[in-house]
Amino acid sequence: MNYFLDGVKRYVDFSGRARRKEFWMYFLFYTIFYFVAAVIEELTGNPFITVIYALALMLPTLSIGARRLHDIGRTGWWQLLNIIPLLGFIVLIVFFVQDSKSDNKYGANPKAA
């Protein structure tokens, strides 16, 4: 849960690096809370709860995605691949599961810290 809260707190921090654990734990809790929001949406009949949830967490999600891409030596702009249906998602998943590179232009290797 702390990884999720840290990701939300750093919602405008597009610099630095995020390790795989930080990234995937954020998305685990993002997904759990999304499903909770979907259940609440069904129970209340309000069709906007998941939309509001997704919009509220758009910046933190883009931020942690950019930091994860920085960790493997890529710019955060690679997230624009999501515009391409399915293919962009698959390519980004492949990028996100890669191990941390050594020190790069985005900072020191977080594994060493």
PDB file of N, CA and C in Angstrom:
ATOM      1  N   MET A   1       0.830  -1.198   0.000  1.00  0.00           N
ATOM      2  CA  MET A   1       0.000   0.000   0.000  1.00  0.00           C
ATOM      3  C   MET A   1       0.869   1.254   0.000  1.00  0.00           C
ATOM      4  N   ASN A   2       2.033   1.178   0.670  1.00  0.00           N
ATOM      5  CA  ASN A   2       2.924   2.340   0.715  1.00  0.00           C
ATOM      6  C   ASN A   2       3.422   2.723  -0.670  1.00  0.00           C
ATOM      7  N   TYR A   3       3.639   1.723  -1.541  1.00  0.00           N
ATOM      8  CA  TYR A   3       4.089   2.024  -2.899  1.00  0.00           C
ATOM      9  C   TYR A   3       3.029   2.825  -3.643  1.00  0.00           C
ATOM     10  N   PHE A   4       1.769   2.472  -3.431  1.00  0.00           N
ATOM     11  CA  PHE A   4       0.683   3.201  -4.080  1.00  0.00           C
ATOM     12  C   PHE A   4       0.626   4.635  -3.569  1.00  0.00           C
ATOM     13  N   LEU A   5       0.684   4.794  -2.261  1.00  0.00           N
ATOM     14  CA  LEU A   5       0.625   6.139  -1.678  1.00  0.00           C
ATOM     15  C   LEU A   5       1.830   6.978  -2.086  1.00  0.00           C
ATOM     16  N   ASP A   6       3.013   6.364  -2.132  1.00  0.00           N
ATOM     17  CA  ASP A   6       4.202   7.095  -2.585  1.00  0.00           C
ATOM     18  C   ASP A   6       4.049   7.530  -4.035  1.00  0.00           C
ATOM     19  N   GLY A   7       3.471   6.656  -4.868  1.00  0.00           N
ATOM     20  CA  GLY A   7       3.231   7.015  -6.265  1.00  0.00           C
ATOM     21  C   GLY A   7       2.280   8.187  -6.399  1.00  0.00           C
ATOM     22  N   VAL A   8       1.245   8.206  -5.566  1.00  0.00           N
ATOM     23  CA  VAL A   8       0.277   9.309  -5.598  1.00  0.00           C
ATOM     24  C   VAL A   8       0.924  10.596  -5.092  1.00  0.00           C
ATOM     25  N   LYS A   9       1.737  10.494  -4.049  1.00  0.00           N
ATOM     26  CA  LYS A   9       2.404  11.684  -3.505  1.00  0.00           C
ATOM     27  C   LYS A   9       3.367  12.304  -4.514  1.00  0.00           C
ATOM     28  N   ARG A  10       3.964  11.478  -5.363  1.00  0.00           N
ATOM     29  CA  ARG A  10       4.926  11.977  -6.355  1.00  0.00           C
ATOM     30  C   ARG A  10       4.240  12.182  -7.715  1.00  0.00           C
ATOM     31  N   TYR A  11       2.997  12.649  -7.677  1.00  0.00           N
ATOM     32  CA  TYR A  11       2.175  12.709  -8.883  1.00  0.00           C
ATOM     33  C   TYR A  11       2.698  13.624  -9.981  1.00  0.00           C
ATOM     34  N   VAL A  12       3.540  14.583  -9.663  1.00  0.00           N
ATOM     35  CA  VAL A  12       4.099  15.447 -10.709  1.00  0.00           C
ATOM     36  C   VAL A  12       5.609  15.277 -10.835  1.00  0.00           C
ATOM     37  N   ASP A  13       6.141  14.224 -10.266  1.00  0.00           N
ATOM     38  CA  ASP A  13       7.580  13.966 -10.327  1.00  0.00           C
ATOM     39  C   ASP A  13       7.868  13.042 -11.504  1.00  0.00           C
ATOM     40  N   PHE A  14       8.183  13.646 -12.637  1.00  0.00           N
ATOM     41  CA  PHE A  14       8.479  12.876 -13.835  1.00  0.00           C
ATOM     42  C   PHE A  14       9.977  12.660 -14.010  1.00  0.00           C
ATOM     43  N   SER A  15      10.760  12.969 -12.990  1.00  0.00           N
ATOM     44  CA  SER A  15      12.210  12.776 -13.074  1.00  0.00           C
ATOM     45  C   SER A  15      12.610  11.634 -12.158  1.00  0.00           C
ATOM     46  N   GLY A  16      13.783  11.119 -12.380  1.00  0.00           N
ATOM     47  CA  GLY A  16      14.268  10.027 -11.557  1.00  0.00           C
ATOM     48  C   GLY A  16      13.852   8.679 -12.114  1.00  0.00           C
ATOM     49  N   ARG A  17      13.951   7.675 -11.262  1.00  0.00           N
ATOM     50  CA  ARG A  17      13.738   6.305 -11.699  1.00  0.00           C
ATOM     51  C   ARG A  17      12.828   5.567 -10.721  1.00  0.00           C
ATOM     52  N   ALA A  18      12.126   4.571 -11.226  1.00  0.00           N
ATOM     53  CA  ALA A  18      11.272   3.717 -10.386  1.00  0.00           C
ATOM     54  C   ALA A  18      11.618   2.262 -10.670  1.00  0.00           C
ATOM     55  N   ARG A  19      11.913   1.529  -9.632  1.00  0.00           N
ATOM     56  CA  ARG A  19      12.217   0.110  -9.785  1.00  0.00           C
ATOM     57  C   ARG A  19      10.960  -0.667 -10.129  1.00  0.00           C
ATOM     58  N   ARG A  20      11.167  -1.898 -10.588  1.00  0.00           N
ATOM     59  CA  ARG A  20      10.025  -2.730 -10.972  1.00  0.00           C
ATOM     60  C   ARG A  20       9.041  -2.922  -9.819  1.00  0.00           C
ATOM     61  N   LYS A  21       9.550  -3.197  -8.626  1.00  0.00           N
ATOM     62  CA  LYS A  21       8.657  -3.444  -7.489  1.00  0.00           C
ATOM     63  C   LYS A  21       7.776  -2.232  -7.206  1.00  0.00           C
ATOM     64  N   GLU A  22       8.378  -1.054  -7.213  1.00  0.00           N
ATOM     65  CA  GLU A  22       7.610   0.181  -6.979  1.00  0.00           C
ATOM     66  C   GLU A  22       6.511   0.328  -8.024  1.00  0.00           C
ATOM     67  N   PHE A  23       6.862   0.106  -9.281  1.00  0.00           N
ATOM     68  CA  PHE A  23       5.919   0.250 -10.383  1.00  0.00           C
ATOM     69  C   PHE A  23       4.780  -0.768 -10.292  1.00  0.00           C
ATOM     70  N   TRP A  24       5.132  -2.043 -10.145  1.00  0.00           N
ATOM     71  CA  TRP A  24       4.112  -3.085 -10.164  1.00  0.00           C
ATOM     72  C   TRP A  24       3.241  -3.076  -8.913  1.00  0.00           C
ATOM     73  N   MET A  25       3.802  -2.705  -7.774  1.00  0.00           N
ATOM     74  CA  MET A  25       2.978  -2.603  -6.564  1.00  0.00           C
ATOM     75  C   MET A  25       1.981  -1.452  -6.696  1.00  0.00           C
ATOM     76  N   TYR A  26       2.414  -0.350  -7.306  1.00  0.00           N
ATOM     77  CA  TYR A  26       1.490   0.759  -7.568  1.00  0.00           C
ATOM     78  C   TYR A  26       0.327   0.254  -8.424  1.00  0.00           C
ATOM     79  N   PHE A  27       0.647  -0.467  -9.498  1.00  0.00           N
ATOM     80  CA  PHE A  27      -0.411  -0.923 -10.393  1.00  0.00           C
ATOM     81  C   PHE A  27      -1.279  -2.011  -9.776  1.00  0.00           C
ATOM     82  N   LEU A  28      -0.734  -2.803  -8.885  1.00  0.00           N
ATOM     83  CA  LEU A  28      -1.554  -3.787  -8.183  1.00  0.00           C
ATOM     84  C   LEU A  28      -2.649  -3.077  -7.386  1.00  0.00           C
ATOM     85  N   PHE A  29      -2.259  -2.084  -6.592  1.00  0.00           N
ATOM     86  CA  PHE A  29      -3.247  -1.370  -5.785  1.00  0.00           C
ATOM     87  C   PHE A  29      -4.158  -0.493  -6.651  1.00  0.00           C
ATOM     88  N   TYR A  30      -3.628   0.067  -7.727  1.00  0.00           N
ATOM     89  CA  TYR A  30      -4.454   0.828  -8.666  1.00  0.00           C
ATOM     90  C   TYR A  30      -5.584  -0.066  -9.184  1.00  0.00           C
ATOM     91  N   THR A  31      -5.227  -1.284  -9.567  1.00  0.00           N
ATOM     92  CA  THR A  31      -6.210  -2.217 -10.118  1.00  0.00           C
ATOM     93  C   THR A  31      -7.217  -2.661  -9.062  1.00  0.00           C
ATOM     94  N   ILE A  32      -6.741  -2.963  -7.867  1.00  0.00           N
ATOM     95  CA  ILE A  32      -7.651  -3.359  -6.784  1.00  0.00           C
ATOM     96  C   ILE A  32      -8.656  -2.248  -6.504  1.00  0.00           C
ATOM     97  N   PHE A  33      -8.170  -1.021  -6.374  1.00  0.00           N
ATOM     98  CA  PHE A  33      -9.063   0.103  -6.093  1.00  0.00           C
ATOM     99  C   PHE A  33      -9.992   0.390  -7.272  1.00  0.00           C
ATOM    100  N   TYR A  34      -9.522   0.135  -8.488  1.00  0.00           N
ATOM    101  CA  TYR A  34     -10.371   0.318  -9.659  1.00  0.00           C
ATOM    102  C   TYR A  34     -11.559  -0.647  -9.599  1.00  0.00           C
ATOM    103  N   PHE A  35     -11.274  -1.911  -9.245  1.00  0.00           N
ATOM    104  CA  PHE A  35     -12.363  -2.882  -9.149  1.00  0.00           C
ATOM    105  C   PHE A  35     -13.330  -2.536  -8.021  1.00  0.00           C
ATOM    106  N   VAL A  36     -12.821  -2.027  -6.926  1.00  0.00           N
ATOM    107  CA  VAL A  36     -13.696  -1.570  -5.837  1.00  0.00           C
ATOM    108  C   VAL A  36     -14.579  -0.425  -6.341  1.00  0.00           C
ATOM    109  N   ALA A  37     -13.983   0.498  -7.082  1.00  0.00           N
ATOM    110  CA  ALA A  37     -14.760   1.609  -7.650  1.00  0.00           C
ATOM    111  C   ALA A  37     -15.810   1.090  -8.626  1.00  0.00           C
ATOM    112  N   ALA A  38     -15.475   0.059  -9.398  1.00  0.00           N
ATOM    113  CA  ALA A  38     -16.437  -0.513 -10.348  1.00  0.00           C
ATOM    114  C   ALA A  38     -17.609  -1.165  -9.618  1.00  0.00           C
ATOM    115  N   VAL A  39     -17.326  -1.835  -8.508  1.00  0.00           N
ATOM    116  CA  VAL A  39     -18.401  -2.446  -7.716  1.00  0.00           C
ATOM    117  C   VAL A  39     -19.301  -1.355  -7.137  1.00  0.00           C
ATOM    118  N   ILE A  40     -18.695  -0.313  -6.599  1.00  0.00           N
ATOM    119  CA  ILE A  40     -19.479   0.809  -6.057  1.00  0.00           C
ATOM    120  C   ILE A  40     -20.308   1.447  -7.163  1.00  0.00           C
ATOM    121  N   GLU A  41     -19.720   1.558  -8.331  1.00  0.00           N
ATOM    122  CA  GLU A  41     -20.434   2.117  -9.479  1.00  0.00           C
ATOM    123  C   GLU A  41     -21.670   1.279  -9.806  1.00  0.00           C
ATOM    124  N   GLU A  42     -21.522  -0.035  -9.788  1.00  0.00           N
ATOM    125  CA  GLU A  42     -22.659  -0.921 -10.064  1.00  0.00           C
ATOM    126  C   GLU A  42     -23.728  -0.830  -8.978  1.00  0.00           C
ATOM    127  N   LEU A  43     -23.283  -0.787  -7.734  1.00  0.00           N
ATOM    128  CA  LEU A  43     -24.237  -0.751  -6.618  1.00  0.00           C
ATOM    129  C   LEU A  43     -25.017   0.555  -6.557  1.00  0.00           C
ATOM    130  N   THR A  44     -24.366   1.649  -6.894  1.00  0.00           N
ATOM    131  CA  THR A  44     -25.027   2.954  -6.808  1.00  0.00           C
ATOM    132  C   THR A  44     -25.713   3.359  -8.102  1.00  0.00           C
ATOM    133  N   GLY A  45     -25.335   2.736  -9.202  1.00  0.00           N
ATOM    134  CA  GLY A  45     -25.898   3.113 -10.489  1.00  0.00           C
ATOM    135  C   GLY A  45     -25.297   4.383 -11.062  1.00  0.00           C
ATOM    136  N   ASN A  46     -24.250   4.885 -10.429  1.00  0.00           N
ATOM    137  CA  ASN A  46     -23.564   6.084 -10.917  1.00  0.00           C
ATOM    138  C   ASN A  46     -22.497   5.660 -11.924  1.00  0.00           C
ATOM    139  N   PRO A  47     -22.670   6.003 -13.214  1.00  0.00           N
ATOM    140  CA  PRO A  47     -21.743   5.520 -14.238  1.00  0.00           C
ATOM    141  C   PRO A  47     -20.421   6.287 -14.314  1.00  0.00           C
ATOM    142  N   PHE A  48     -20.181   7.204 -13.400  1.00  0.00           N
ATOM    143  CA  PHE A  48     -18.993   8.042 -13.514  1.00  0.00           C
ATOM    144  C   PHE A  48     -17.915   7.764 -12.468  1.00  0.00           C
ATOM    145  N   ILE A  49     -18.142   6.845 -11.562  1.00  0.00           N
ATOM    146  CA  ILE A  49     -17.185   6.624 -10.473  1.00  0.00           C
ATOM    147  C   ILE A  49     -15.837   6.148 -11.004  1.00  0.00           C
ATOM    148  N   THR A  50     -15.835   5.164 -11.901  1.00  0.00           N
ATOM    149  CA  THR A  50     -14.554   4.678 -12.430  1.00  0.00           C
ATOM    150  C   THR A  50     -13.884   5.725 -13.317  1.00  0.00           C
ATOM    151  N   VAL A  51     -14.677   6.517 -14.004  1.00  0.00           N
ATOM    152  CA  VAL A  51     -14.109   7.586 -14.836  1.00  0.00           C
ATOM    153  C   VAL A  51     -13.418   8.620 -13.956  1.00  0.00           C
ATOM    154  N   ILE A  52     -14.076   9.016 -12.887  1.00  0.00           N
ATOM    155  CA  ILE A  52     -13.488   9.985 -11.954  1.00  0.00           C
ATOM    156  C   ILE A  52     -12.227   9.410 -11.326  1.00  0.00           C
ATOM    157  N   TYR A  53     -12.278   8.131 -10.944  1.00  0.00           N
ATOM    158  CA  TYR A  53     -11.112   7.459 -10.357  1.00  0.00           C
ATOM    159  C   TYR A  53      -9.930   7.480 -11.333  1.00  0.00           C
ATOM    160  N   ALA A  54     -10.185   7.077 -12.577  1.00  0.00           N
ATOM    161  CA  ALA A  54      -9.116   7.029 -13.576  1.00  0.00           C
ATOM    162  C   ALA A  54      -8.554   8.423 -13.860  1.00  0.00           C
ATOM    163  N   LEU A  55      -9.418   9.412 -13.951  1.00  0.00           N
ATOM    164  CA  LEU A  55      -8.949  10.779 -14.199  1.00  0.00           C
ATOM    165  C   LEU A  55      -8.151  11.324 -13.019  1.00  0.00           C
ATOM    166  N   ALA A  56      -8.588  11.000 -11.805  1.00  0.00           N
ATOM    167  CA  ALA A  56      -7.890  11.483 -10.610  1.00  0.00           C
ATOM    168  C   ALA A  56      -6.484  10.901 -10.513  1.00  0.00           C
ATOM    169  N   LEU A  57      -6.304   9.694 -11.015  1.00  0.00           N
ATOM    170  CA  LEU A  57      -4.996   9.043 -10.911  1.00  0.00           C
ATOM    171  C   LEU A  57      -4.215   9.040 -12.226  1.00  0.00           C
ATOM    172  N   MET A  58      -4.666   9.825 -13.195  1.00  0.00           N
ATOM    173  CA  MET A  58      -3.965   9.857 -14.475  1.00  0.00           C
ATOM    174  C   MET A  58      -2.542  10.394 -14.330  1.00  0.00           C
ATOM    175  N   LEU A  59      -2.360  11.519 -13.651  1.00  0.00           N
ATOM    176  CA  LEU A  59      -1.010  12.081 -13.489  1.00  0.00           C
ATOM    177  C   LEU A  59      -0.081  11.173 -12.688  1.00  0.00           C
ATOM    178  N   PRO A  60      -0.504  10.642 -11.541  1.00  0.00           N
ATOM    179  CA  PRO A  60       0.397   9.730 -10.830  1.00  0.00           C
ATOM    180  C   PRO A  60       0.772   8.506 -11.666  1.00  0.00           C
ATOM    181  N   THR A  61      -0.184   8.008 -12.451  1.00  0.00           N
ATOM    182  CA  THR A  61       0.082   6.832 -13.274  1.00  0.00           C
ATOM    183  C   THR A  61       1.068   7.156 -14.386  1.00  0.00           C
ATOM    184  N   LEU A  62       0.895   8.287 -15.038  1.00  0.00           N
ATOM    185  CA  LEU A  62       1.856   8.699 -16.068  1.00  0.00           C
ATOM    186  C   LEU A  62       3.226   8.964 -15.463  1.00  0.00           C
ATOM    187  N   SER A  63       3.238   9.533 -14.279  1.00  0.00           N
ATOM    188  CA  SER A  63       4.492   9.851 -13.603  1.00  0.00           C
ATOM    189  C   SER A  63       5.288   8.597 -13.266  1.00  0.00           C
ATOM    190  N   ILE A  64       4.636   7.622 -12.663  1.00  0.00           N
ATOM    191  CA  ILE A  64       5.365   6.407 -12.299  1.00  0.00           C
ATOM    192  C   ILE A  64       5.753   5.614 -13.547  1.00  0.00           C
ATOM    193  N   GLY A  65       4.943   5.698 -14.591  1.00  0.00           N
ATOM    194  CA  GLY A  65       5.304   5.060 -15.860  1.00  0.00           C
ATOM    195  C   GLY A  65       6.545   5.691 -16.466  1.00  0.00           C
ATOM    196  N   ALA A  66       6.621   7.009 -16.414  1.00  0.00           N
ATOM    197  CA  ALA A  66       7.803   7.709 -16.939  1.00  0.00           C
ATOM    198  C   ALA A  66       9.044   7.340 -16.136  1.00  0.00           C
ATOM    199  N   ARG A  67       8.914   7.300 -14.817  1.00  0.00           N
ATOM    200  CA  ARG A  67      10.066   6.937 -13.983  1.00  0.00           C
ATOM    201  C   ARG A  67      10.492   5.492 -14.212  1.00  0.00           C
ATOM    202  N   ARG A  68       9.534   4.603 -14.469  1.00  0.00           N
ATOM    203  CA  ARG A  68       9.883   3.206 -14.764  1.00  0.00           C
ATOM    204  C   ARG A  68      10.629   3.121 -16.089  1.00  0.00           C
ATOM    205  N   LEU A  69      10.174   3.856 -17.080  1.00  0.00           N
ATOM    206  CA  LEU A  69      10.875   3.871 -18.368  1.00  0.00           C
ATOM    207  C   LEU A  69      12.264   4.477 -18.221  1.00  0.00           C
ATOM    208  N   HIS A  70      12.400   5.491 -17.389  1.00  0.00           N
ATOM    209  CA  HIS A  70      13.722   6.069 -17.130  1.00  0.00           C
ATOM    210  C   HIS A  70      14.663   5.015 -16.559  1.00  0.00           C
ATOM    211  N   ASP A  71      14.131   4.118 -15.749  1.00  0.00           N
ATOM    212  CA  ASP A  71      14.958   3.098 -15.109  1.00  0.00           C
ATOM    213  C   ASP A  71      15.605   2.174 -16.131  1.00  0.00           C
ATOM    214  N   ILE A  72      14.954   1.977 -17.266  1.00  0.00           N
ATOM    215  CA  ILE A  72      15.546   1.132 -18.300  1.00  0.00           C
ATOM    216  C   ILE A  72      16.193   1.964 -19.405  1.00  0.00           C
ATOM    217  N   GLY A  73      16.363   3.260 -19.143  1.00  0.00           N
ATOM    218  CA  GLY A  73      17.083   4.120 -20.076  1.00  0.00           C
ATOM    219  C   GLY A  73      16.247   4.692 -21.205  1.00  0.00           C
ATOM    220  N   ARG A  74      14.940   4.679 -21.061  1.00  0.00           N
ATOM    221  CA  ARG A  74      14.053   5.224 -22.102  1.00  0.00           C
ATOM    222  C   ARG A  74      13.342   6.466 -21.575  1.00  0.00           C
ATOM    223  N   THR A  75      12.956   7.316 -22.485  1.00  0.00           N
ATOM    224  CA  THR A  75      12.230   8.524 -22.118  1.00  0.00           C
ATOM    225  C   THR A  75      10.771   8.184 -21.796  1.00  0.00           C
ATOM    226  N   GLY A  76      10.153   8.995 -20.972  1.00  0.00           N
ATOM    227  CA  GLY A  76       8.756   8.786 -20.605  1.00  0.00           C
ATOM    228  C   GLY A  76       7.790   8.938 -21.769  1.00  0.00           C
ATOM    229  N   TRP A  77       8.243   9.574 -22.825  1.00  0.00           N
ATOM    230  CA  TRP A  77       7.388   9.759 -23.998  1.00  0.00           C
ATOM    231  C   TRP A  77       7.007   8.433 -24.657  1.00  0.00           C
ATOM    232  N   TRP A  78       7.722   7.363 -24.352  1.00  0.00           N
ATOM    233  CA  TRP A  78       7.373   6.048 -24.883  1.00  0.00           C
ATOM    234  C   TRP A  78       5.961   5.637 -24.459  1.00  0.00           C
ATOM    235  N   GLN A  79       5.423   6.246 -23.429  1.00  0.00           N
ATOM    236  CA  GLN A  79       4.066   5.918 -22.988  1.00  0.00           C
ATOM    237  C   GLN A  79       3.022   6.257 -24.050  1.00  0.00           C
ATOM    238  N   LEU A  80       3.401   7.103 -24.990  1.00  0.00           N
ATOM    239  CA  LEU A  80       2.476   7.433 -26.079  1.00  0.00           C
ATOM    240  C   LEU A  80       2.168   6.222 -26.956  1.00  0.00           C
ATOM    241  N   LEU A  81       2.946   5.147 -26.795  1.00  0.00           N
ATOM    242  CA  LEU A  81       2.643   3.919 -27.529  1.00  0.00           C
ATOM    243  C   LEU A  81       1.257   3.385 -27.184  1.00  0.00           C
ATOM    244  N   ASN A  82       0.734   3.779 -26.041  1.00  0.00           N
ATOM    245  CA  ASN A  82      -0.614   3.343 -25.660  1.00  0.00           C
ATOM    246  C   ASN A  82      -1.673   3.813 -26.645  1.00  0.00           C
ATOM    247  N   ILE A  83      -1.329   4.781 -27.472  1.00  0.00           N
ATOM    248  CA  ILE A  83      -2.271   5.261 -28.492  1.00  0.00           C
ATOM    249  C   ILE A  83      -2.538   4.166 -29.524  1.00  0.00           C
ATOM    250  N   ILE A  84      -1.534   3.314 -29.761  1.00  0.00           N
ATOM    251  CA  ILE A  84      -1.673   2.227 -30.730  1.00  0.00           C
ATOM    252  C   ILE A  84      -2.396   1.065 -30.035  1.00  0.00           C
ATOM    253  N   PRO A  85      -3.580   0.716 -30.494  1.00  0.00           N
ATOM    254  CA  PRO A  85      -4.328  -0.348 -29.825  1.00  0.00           C
ATOM    255  C   PRO A  85      -3.545  -1.663 -29.757  1.00  0.00           C
ATOM    256  N   LEU A  86      -3.567  -2.285 -28.636  1.00  0.00           N
ATOM    257  CA  LEU A  86      -2.970  -3.571 -28.301  1.00  0.00           C
ATOM    258  C   LEU A  86      -1.451  -3.619 -28.477  1.00  0.00           C
ATOM    259  N   LEU A  87      -0.942  -3.286 -29.651  1.00  0.00           N
ATOM    260  CA  LEU A  87       0.500  -3.351 -29.898  1.00  0.00           C
ATOM    261  C   LEU A  87       1.267  -2.439 -28.947  1.00  0.00           C
ATOM    262  N   GLY A  88       0.801  -1.218 -28.766  1.00  0.00           N
ATOM    263  CA  GLY A  88       1.466  -0.287 -27.864  1.00  0.00           C
ATOM    264  C   GLY A  88       1.477  -0.804 -26.442  1.00  0.00           C
ATOM    265  N   PHE A  89       0.368  -1.385 -26.006  1.00  0.00           N
ATOM    266  CA  PHE A  89       0.263  -1.956 -24.660  1.00  0.00           C
ATOM    267  C   PHE A  89       1.264  -3.094 -24.478  1.00  0.00           C
ATOM    268  N   ILE A  90       1.359  -3.966 -25.463  1.00  0.00           N
ATOM    269  CA  ILE A  90       2.280  -5.109 -25.382  1.00  0.00           C
ATOM    270  C   ILE A  90       3.723  -4.640 -25.315  1.00  0.00           C
ATOM    271  N   VAL A  91       4.095  -3.687 -26.153  1.00  0.00           N
ATOM    272  CA  VAL A  91       5.464  -3.164 -26.149  1.00  0.00           C
ATOM    273  C   VAL A  91       5.785  -2.538 -24.795  1.00  0.00           C
ATOM    274  N   LEU A  92       4.865  -1.765 -24.242  1.00  0.00           N
ATOM    275  CA  LEU A  92       5.107  -1.140 -22.937  1.00  0.00           C
ATOM    276  C   LEU A  92       5.236  -2.176 -21.825  1.00  0.00           C
ATOM    277  N   ILE A  93       4.447  -3.225 -21.864  1.00  0.00           N
ATOM    278  CA  ILE A  93       4.583  -4.286 -20.857  1.00  0.00           C
ATOM    279  C   ILE A  93       5.972  -4.906 -20.941  1.00  0.00           C
ATOM    280  N   VAL A  94       6.446  -5.150 -22.148  1.00  0.00           N
ATOM    281  CA  VAL A  94       7.805  -5.695 -22.326  1.00  0.00           C
ATOM    282  C   VAL A  94       8.830  -4.732 -21.733  1.00  0.00           C
ATOM    283  N   PHE A  95       8.674  -3.450 -21.973  1.00  0.00           N
ATOM    284  CA  PHE A  95       9.593  -2.458 -21.398  1.00  0.00           C
ATOM    285  C   PHE A  95       9.514  -2.466 -19.868  1.00  0.00           C
ATOM    286  N   PHE A  96       8.299  -2.484 -19.330  1.00  0.00           N
ATOM    287  CA  PHE A  96       8.115  -2.360 -17.885  1.00  0.00           C
ATOM    288  C   PHE A  96       8.653  -3.556 -17.103  1.00  0.00           C
ATOM    289  N   VAL A  97       8.740  -4.734 -17.718  1.00  0.00           N
ATOM    290  CA  VAL A  97       9.245  -5.907 -16.994  1.00  0.00           C
ATOM    291  C   VAL A  97      10.764  -6.033 -17.061  1.00  0.00           C
ATOM    292  N   GLN A  98      11.410  -5.222 -17.880  1.00  0.00           N
ATOM    293  CA  GLN A  98      12.870  -5.293 -17.985  1.00  0.00           C
ATOM    294  C   GLN A  98      13.527  -4.874 -16.679  1.00  0.00           C
ATOM    295  N   ASP A  99      14.697  -5.458 -16.443  1.00  0.00           N
ATOM    296  CA  ASP A  99      15.465  -5.147 -15.240  1.00  0.00           C
ATOM    297  C   ASP A  99      16.086  -3.757 -15.356  1.00  0.00           C
ATOM    298  N   SER A 100      16.421  -3.190 -14.208  1.00  0.00           N
ATOM    299  CA  SER A 100      17.059  -1.873 -14.146  1.00  0.00           C
ATOM    300  C   SER A 100      18.405  -1.898 -14.849  1.00  0.00           C
ATOM    301  N   LYS A 101      18.676  -0.850 -15.565  1.00  0.00           N
ATOM    302  CA  LYS A 101      19.996  -0.683 -16.166  1.00  0.00           C
ATOM    303  C   LYS A 101      20.907  -0.057 -15.117  1.00  0.00           C
ATOM    304  N   SER A 102      22.187  -0.035 -15.426  1.00  0.00           N
ATOM    305  CA  SER A 102      23.120   0.633 -14.515  1.00  0.00           C
ATOM    306  C   SER A 102      22.848   2.136 -14.545  1.00  0.00           C
ATOM    307  N   ASP A 103      23.690   2.908 -13.914  1.00  0.00           N
ATOM    308  CA  ASP A 103      23.511   4.368 -13.911  1.00  0.00           C
ATOM    309  C   ASP A 103      23.285   4.857 -15.340  1.00  0.00           C
ATOM    310  N   ASN A 104      22.352   5.778 -15.500  1.00  0.00           N
ATOM    311  CA  ASN A 104      22.097   6.345 -16.819  1.00  0.00           C
ATOM    312  C   ASN A 104      21.807   7.834 -16.674  1.00  0.00           C
ATOM    313  N   LYS A 105      21.396   8.464 -17.756  1.00  0.00           N
ATOM    314  CA  LYS A 105      21.196   9.916 -17.725  1.00  0.00           C
ATOM    315  C   LYS A 105      20.042  10.339 -16.813  1.00  0.00           C
ATOM    316  N   TYR A 106      19.239   9.380 -16.348  1.00  0.00           N
ATOM    317  CA  TYR A 106      18.118   9.700 -15.466  1.00  0.00           C
ATOM    318  C   TYR A 106      18.465   9.535 -13.995  1.00  0.00           C
ATOM    319  N   GLY A 107      19.679   9.096 -13.707  1.00  0.00           N
ATOM    320  CA  GLY A 107      20.113   8.992 -12.318  1.00  0.00           C
ATOM    321  C   GLY A 107      20.836   7.696 -12.024  1.00  0.00           C
ATOM    322  N   ALA A 108      21.190   7.562 -10.763  1.00  0.00           N
ATOM    323  CA  ALA A 108      21.902   6.365 -10.312  1.00  0.00           C
ATOM    324  C   ALA A 108      20.944   5.176 -10.275  1.00  0.00           C
ATOM    325  N   ASN A 109      21.504   3.999 -10.400  1.00  0.00           N
ATOM    326  CA  ASN A 109      20.718   2.777 -10.336  1.00  0.00           C
ATOM    327  C   ASN A 109      20.067   2.669  -8.958  1.00  0.00           C
ATOM    328  N   PRO A 110      18.732   2.600  -8.888  1.00  0.00           N
ATOM    329  CA  PRO A 110      18.075   2.546  -7.578  1.00  0.00           C
ATOM    330  C   PRO A 110      18.378   1.259  -6.811  1.00  0.00           C
ATOM    331  N   LYS A 111      18.835   0.215  -7.497  1.00  0.00           N
ATOM    332  CA  LYS A 111      19.208  -1.015  -6.803  1.00  0.00           C
ATOM    333  C   LYS A 111      20.418  -0.785  -5.908  1.00  0.00           C
ATOM    334  N   ALA A 112      21.304   0.092  -6.352  1.00  0.00           N
ATOM    335  CA  ALA A 112      22.531   0.358  -5.599  1.00  0.00           C
ATOM    336  C   ALA A 112      22.270   1.255  -4.394  1.00  0.00           C
ATOM    337  N   ALA A 113      21.177   1.999  -4.426  1.00  0.00           N
ATOM    338  CA  ALA A 113      20.887   2.959  -3.344  1.00  0.00           C
ATOM    339  C   ALA A 113      20.369   2.288  -2.102  1.00  0.00           C
TER     340      ALA A 113
END
